Amino acid sequence: MRVGFGFDVHPLVPGRPLVLGGVAVPSDVGLDGHSDADVLAHAIGEALLGALALGDLGRHFPDTDPRYRGISSLTLLSHVMSLIASRSAHLVNVDATVVAQAPRLTARLPEMAKCLAEALGIDADRVSVKAKSPERLGFLGRTEGIAAMAVVGVEVRGGS
């Protein structure tokens, strides 16, 4: 069994949609980035790549490549899962946390878990998505950005 940890953070800006876990969240601001800037999907992707020592999302999907401009992060996750499968490995579970002062995300968490599970090709009961408030502390508390962290379990056939 391998374990991977991922983290991502993006600034909030006007004029962009807010996408978290593949779900469009109503908001006056969205996350800035080259892709759809879905910090939750990015944190999970980073964790998956880390579990098998395959680098990070920037290595596989550089922000200098126009093919990835505005791309859905769920599409990137599907590509990462192909890499995982090519290493004779499979995803066991995901445990992720989004840290945001606003908007409130609790009602959308089940939908996020479902979208992520579909992109990852696993059952939704293997994907845990939680939301925490930064309690008005720091740049996250001032609603300047949103962060996410994720831990994944990956089993490699053959045990290495």
C-alpha atoms as a PDB file:
ATOM      1  CA  MET A   1       0.000   0.000   0.000  1.00  0.00           C
ATOM      2  CA  ARG A   2       1.264   3.459  -0.907  1.00  0.00           C
ATOM      3  CA  VAL A   3       0.035   6.754   0.550  1.00  0.00           C
ATOM      4  CA  GLY A   4       0.132  10.104  -1.243  1.00  0.00           C
ATOM      5  CA  PHE A   5      -0.486  13.623   0.042  1.00  0.00           C
ATOM      6  CA  GLY A   6      -1.528  16.559  -2.111  1.00  0.00           C
ATOM      7  CA  PHE A   7      -2.055  20.263  -1.567  1.00  0.00           C
ATOM      8  CA  ASP A   8      -3.190  23.103  -3.799  1.00  0.00           C
ATOM      9  CA  VAL A   9      -4.197  26.732  -3.388  1.00  0.00           C
ATOM     10  CA  HIS A  10      -5.413  29.350  -5.858  1.00  0.00           C
ATOM     11  CA  PRO A  11      -6.416  32.993  -5.484  1.00  0.00           C
ATOM     12  CA  LEU A  12     -10.035  34.083  -5.840  1.00  0.00           C
ATOM     13  CA  VAL A  13     -10.689  36.645  -8.576  1.00  0.00           C
ATOM     14  CA  PRO A  14     -13.778  38.206 -10.167  1.00  0.00           C
ATOM     15  CA  GLY A  15     -14.916  36.999 -13.568  1.00  0.00           C
ATOM     16  CA  ARG A  16     -14.072  33.319 -13.149  1.00  0.00           C
ATOM     17  CA  PRO A  17     -16.369  30.410 -12.297  1.00  0.00           C
ATOM     18  CA  LEU A  18     -15.818  28.654  -8.977  1.00  0.00           C
ATOM     19  CA  VAL A  19     -15.351  24.927  -9.582  1.00  0.00           C
ATOM     20  CA  LEU A  20     -14.614  22.553  -6.699  1.00  0.00           C
ATOM     21  CA  GLY A  21     -14.543  18.799  -7.113  1.00  0.00           C
ATOM     22  CA  GLY A  22     -15.988  19.240 -10.593  1.00  0.00           C
ATOM     23  CA  VAL A  23     -19.026  21.081  -9.233  1.00  0.00           C
ATOM     24  CA  ALA A  24     -19.869  24.657 -10.239  1.00  0.00           C
ATOM     25  CA  VAL A  25     -20.439  26.535  -6.986  1.00  0.00           C
ATOM     26  CA  PRO A  26     -22.472  29.773  -7.132  1.00  0.00           C
ATOM     27  CA  SER A  27     -20.144  32.643  -6.269  1.00  0.00           C
ATOM     28  CA  ASP A  28     -19.271  36.193  -7.327  1.00  0.00           C
ATOM     29  CA  VAL A  29     -15.614  35.132  -7.590  1.00  0.00           C
ATOM     30  CA  GLY A  30     -13.780  32.088  -8.891  1.00  0.00           C
ATOM     31  CA  LEU A  31     -10.354  30.529  -8.663  1.00  0.00           C
ATOM     32  CA  ASP A  32      -7.639  31.870 -10.937  1.00  0.00           C
ATOM     33  CA  GLY A  33      -5.467  29.420 -12.839  1.00  0.00           C
ATOM     34  CA  HIS A  34      -4.471  28.000 -16.215  1.00  0.00           C
ATOM     35  CA  SER A  35      -7.028  25.171 -16.077  1.00  0.00           C
ATOM     36  CA  ASP A  36     -10.407  25.495 -14.345  1.00  0.00           C
ATOM     37  CA  ALA A  37      -8.297  25.927 -11.149  1.00  0.00           C
ATOM     38  CA  ASP A  38     -10.236  23.274  -9.206  1.00  0.00           C
ATOM     39  CA  VAL A  39      -8.056  23.128  -6.079  1.00  0.00           C
ATOM     40  CA  LEU A  40      -9.839  20.038  -4.776  1.00  0.00           C
ATOM     41  CA  ALA A  41      -9.241  18.002  -7.930  1.00  0.00           C
ATOM     42  CA  HIS A  42      -5.676  19.333  -8.100  1.00  0.00           C
ATOM     43  CA  ALA A  43      -4.901  18.271  -4.518  1.00  0.00           C
ATOM     44  CA  ILE A  44      -6.195  14.773  -5.274  1.00  0.00           C
ATOM     45  CA  GLY A  45      -4.157  14.615  -8.488  1.00  0.00           C
ATOM     46  CA  GLU A  46      -1.024  15.699  -6.616  1.00  0.00           C
ATOM     47  CA  ALA A  47      -1.641  13.015  -3.985  1.00  0.00           C
ATOM     48  CA  LEU A  48      -2.105  10.318  -6.630  1.00  0.00           C
ATOM     49  CA  LEU A  49       1.102  11.257  -8.419  1.00  0.00           C
ATOM     50  CA  GLY A  50       2.946  11.471  -5.111  1.00  0.00           C
ATOM     51  CA  ALA A  51       1.845   7.999  -4.030  1.00  0.00           C
ATOM     52  CA  LEU A  52       3.772   6.509  -6.947  1.00  0.00           C
ATOM     53  CA  ALA A  53       6.589   9.094  -7.019  1.00  0.00           C
ATOM     54  CA  LEU A  54       5.488  10.346 -10.448  1.00  0.00           C
ATOM     55  CA  GLY A  55       6.162  14.039  -9.886  1.00  0.00           C
ATOM     56  CA  ASP A  56       3.429  16.649  -9.770  1.00  0.00           C
ATOM     57  CA  LEU A  57       0.630  18.032 -11.931  1.00  0.00           C
ATOM     58  CA  GLY A  58       2.849  20.828 -13.268  1.00  0.00           C
ATOM     59  CA  ARG A  59       5.248  18.256 -14.702  1.00  0.00           C
ATOM     60  CA  HIS A  60       2.500  16.319 -16.477  1.00  0.00           C
ATOM     61  CA  PHE A  61       0.239  19.257 -17.414  1.00  0.00           C
ATOM     62  CA  PRO A  62       2.421  22.394 -17.619  1.00  0.00           C
ATOM     63  CA  ASP A  63       0.699  25.768 -17.521  1.00  0.00           C
ATOM     64  CA  THR A  64       2.847  26.749 -20.509  1.00  0.00           C
ATOM     65  CA  ASP A  65       0.984  24.227 -22.682  1.00  0.00           C
ATOM     66  CA  PRO A  66      -2.054  25.795 -24.393  1.00  0.00           C
ATOM     67  CA  ARG A  67      -3.774  22.368 -24.531  1.00  0.00           C
ATOM     68  CA  TYR A  68      -4.514  22.700 -20.836  1.00  0.00           C
ATOM     69  CA  ARG A  69      -5.892  26.267 -20.898  1.00  0.00           C
ATOM     70  CA  GLY A  70      -9.332  26.122 -19.255  1.00  0.00           C
ATOM     71  CA  ILE A  71      -9.365  22.303 -19.180  1.00  0.00           C
ATOM     72  CA  SER A  72     -11.587  20.560 -16.654  1.00  0.00           C
ATOM     73  CA  SER A  73      -9.523  19.281 -13.757  1.00  0.00           C
ATOM     74  CA  LEU A  74     -11.675  16.142 -13.807  1.00  0.00           C
ATOM     75  CA  THR A  75     -10.192  15.431 -17.244  1.00  0.00           C
ATOM     76  CA  LEU A  76      -6.728  15.840 -15.747  1.00  0.00           C
ATOM     77  CA  LEU A  77      -7.679  13.417 -12.960  1.00  0.00           C
ATOM     78  CA  SER A  78      -8.770  10.861 -15.548  1.00  0.00           C
ATOM     79  CA  HIS A  79      -5.354  11.174 -17.230  1.00  0.00           C
ATOM     80  CA  VAL A  80      -3.633  10.735 -13.858  1.00  0.00           C
ATOM     81  CA  MET A  81      -5.705   7.603 -13.235  1.00  0.00           C
ATOM     82  CA  SER A  82      -4.463   6.215 -16.563  1.00  0.00           C
ATOM     83  CA  LEU A  83      -0.898   6.724 -15.327  1.00  0.00           C
ATOM     84  CA  ILE A  84      -1.761   4.967 -12.071  1.00  0.00           C
ATOM     85  CA  ALA A  85      -3.270   2.012 -13.951  1.00  0.00           C
ATOM     86  CA  SER A  86      -0.216   1.805 -16.228  1.00  0.00           C
ATOM     87  CA  ARG A  87       1.867   1.186 -13.081  1.00  0.00           C
ATOM     88  CA  SER A  88      -0.326  -1.817 -12.125  1.00  0.00           C
ATOM     89  CA  ALA A  89      -1.858   0.179  -9.291  1.00  0.00           C
ATOM     90  CA  HIS A  90      -5.370   1.082  -8.232  1.00  0.00           C
ATOM     91  CA  LEU A  91      -6.859   3.746  -6.005  1.00  0.00           C
ATOM     92  CA  VAL A  92      -8.200   2.473  -2.691  1.00  0.00           C
ATOM     93  CA  ASN A  93      -9.591   5.688  -1.200  1.00  0.00           C
ATOM     94  CA  VAL A  94      -9.456   9.492  -1.082  1.00  0.00           C
ATOM     95  CA  ASP A  95      -9.779  11.738   1.964  1.00  0.00           C
ATOM     96  CA  ALA A  96      -9.834  15.438   1.075  1.00  0.00           C
ATOM     97  CA  THR A  97     -10.492  18.744   2.809  1.00  0.00           C
ATOM     98  CA  VAL A  98     -11.302  22.125   1.259  1.00  0.00           C
ATOM     99  CA  VAL A  99     -10.401  25.184   3.347  1.00  0.00           C
ATOM    100  CA  ALA A 100     -12.549  28.209   2.483  1.00  0.00           C
ATOM    101  CA  GLN A 101     -14.096  31.076   4.414  1.00  0.00           C
ATOM    102  CA  ALA A 102     -16.798  31.464   1.776  1.00  0.00           C
ATOM    103  CA  PRO A 103     -18.932  30.232   0.194  1.00  0.00           C
ATOM    104  CA  ARG A 104     -20.326  27.603   2.529  1.00  0.00           C
ATOM    105  CA  LEU A 105     -19.780  24.229   0.892  1.00  0.00           C
ATOM    106  CA  THR A 106     -21.431  21.639   3.152  1.00  0.00           C
ATOM    107  CA  ALA A 107     -24.531  21.171   0.978  1.00  0.00           C
ATOM    108  CA  ARG A 108     -22.373  20.550  -2.122  1.00  0.00           C
ATOM    109  CA  LEU A 109     -19.946  18.020  -0.619  1.00  0.00           C
ATOM    110  CA  PRO A 110     -21.904  14.872  -1.612  1.00  0.00           C
ATOM    111  CA  GLU A 111     -22.120  16.115  -5.213  1.00  0.00           C
ATOM    112  CA  MET A 112     -18.371  16.808  -5.218  1.00  0.00           C
ATOM    113  CA  ALA A 113     -17.629  13.313  -3.911  1.00  0.00           C
ATOM    114  CA  LYS A 114     -19.849  11.803  -6.605  1.00  0.00           C
ATOM    115  CA  CYS A 115     -18.215  13.805  -9.440  1.00  0.00           C
ATOM    116  CA  LEU A 116     -14.742  12.986  -8.190  1.00  0.00           C
ATOM    117  CA  ALA A 117     -15.540   9.292  -7.775  1.00  0.00           C
ATOM    118  CA  GLU A 118     -16.802   9.156 -11.343  1.00  0.00           C
ATOM    119  CA  ALA A 119     -13.645  10.813 -12.704  1.00  0.00           C
ATOM    120  CA  LEU A 120     -11.483   8.506 -10.584  1.00  0.00           C
ATOM    121  CA  GLY A 121     -13.401   5.372 -11.542  1.00  0.00           C
ATOM    122  CA  ILE A 122     -14.151   4.323  -7.966  1.00  0.00           C
ATOM    123  CA  ASP A 123     -17.263   4.035  -5.805  1.00  0.00           C
ATOM    124  CA  ALA A 124     -18.413   7.256  -4.134  1.00  0.00           C
ATOM    125  CA  ASP A 125     -18.148   5.624  -0.693  1.00  0.00           C
ATOM    126  CA  ARG A 126     -14.361   5.596  -1.196  1.00  0.00           C
ATOM    127  CA  VAL A 127     -14.211   9.390  -1.584  1.00  0.00           C
ATOM    128  CA  SER A 128     -14.467  11.590   1.502  1.00  0.00           C
ATOM    129  CA  VAL A 129     -14.738  15.343   0.945  1.00  0.00           C
ATOM    130  CA  LYS A 130     -14.895  17.718   3.885  1.00  0.00           C
ATOM    131  CA  ALA A 131     -14.938  21.504   4.209  1.00  0.00           C
ATOM    132  CA  LYS A 132     -13.339  23.570   6.940  1.00  0.00           C
ATOM    133  CA  SER A 133     -13.392  27.268   7.713  1.00  0.00           C
ATOM    134  CA  PRO A 134     -10.094  29.071   8.342  1.00  0.00           C
ATOM    135  CA  GLU A 135     -11.976  31.021  11.047  1.00  0.00           C
ATOM    136  CA  ARG A 136     -11.170  34.358   9.373  1.00  0.00           C
ATOM    137  CA  LEU A 137      -7.414  33.755   9.739  1.00  0.00           C
ATOM    138  CA  GLY A 138      -4.852  34.601   7.060  1.00  0.00           C
ATOM    139  CA  PHE A 139      -5.407  35.010   3.331  1.00  0.00           C
ATOM    140  CA  LEU A 140      -7.937  32.166   3.295  1.00  0.00           C
ATOM    141  CA  GLY A 141      -9.883  33.828   6.106  1.00  0.00           C
ATOM    142  CA  ARG A 142      -9.888  37.112   4.201  1.00  0.00           C
ATOM    143  CA  THR A 143     -11.448  35.207   1.242  1.00  0.00           C
ATOM    144  CA  GLU A 144      -8.417  35.890  -0.957  1.00  0.00           C
ATOM    145  CA  GLY A 145      -8.166  32.225  -1.948  1.00  0.00           C
ATOM    146  CA  ILE A 146      -9.228  28.638  -1.374  1.00  0.00           C
ATOM    147  CA  ALA A 147      -6.976  25.699  -0.490  1.00  0.00           C
ATOM    148  CA  ALA A 148      -7.409  21.940  -0.501  1.00  0.00           C
ATOM    149  CA  MET A 149      -5.509  18.965   0.887  1.00  0.00           C
ATOM    150  CA  ALA A 150      -5.900  15.298   0.057  1.00  0.00           C
ATOM    151  CA  VAL A 151      -4.568  11.933   1.130  1.00  0.00           C
ATOM    152  CA  VAL A 152      -4.935   8.850  -1.059  1.00  0.00           C
ATOM    153  CA  GLY A 153      -4.300   5.163  -0.596  1.00  0.00           C
ATOM    154  CA  VAL A 154      -2.978   3.371  -3.680  1.00  0.00           C
ATOM    155  CA  GLU A 155      -2.391  -0.359  -3.897  1.00  0.00           C
ATOM    156  CA  VAL A 156       0.260  -1.630  -6.278  1.00  0.00           C
ATOM    157  CA  ARG A 157      -0.191  -5.137  -7.643  1.00  0.00           C
ATOM    158  CA  GLY A 158       2.863  -7.113  -6.656  1.00  0.00           C
ATOM    159  CA  GLY A 159       3.212  -5.158  -3.421  1.00  0.00           C
ATOM    160  CA  SER A 160       5.927  -2.607  -4.203  1.00  0.00           C
END
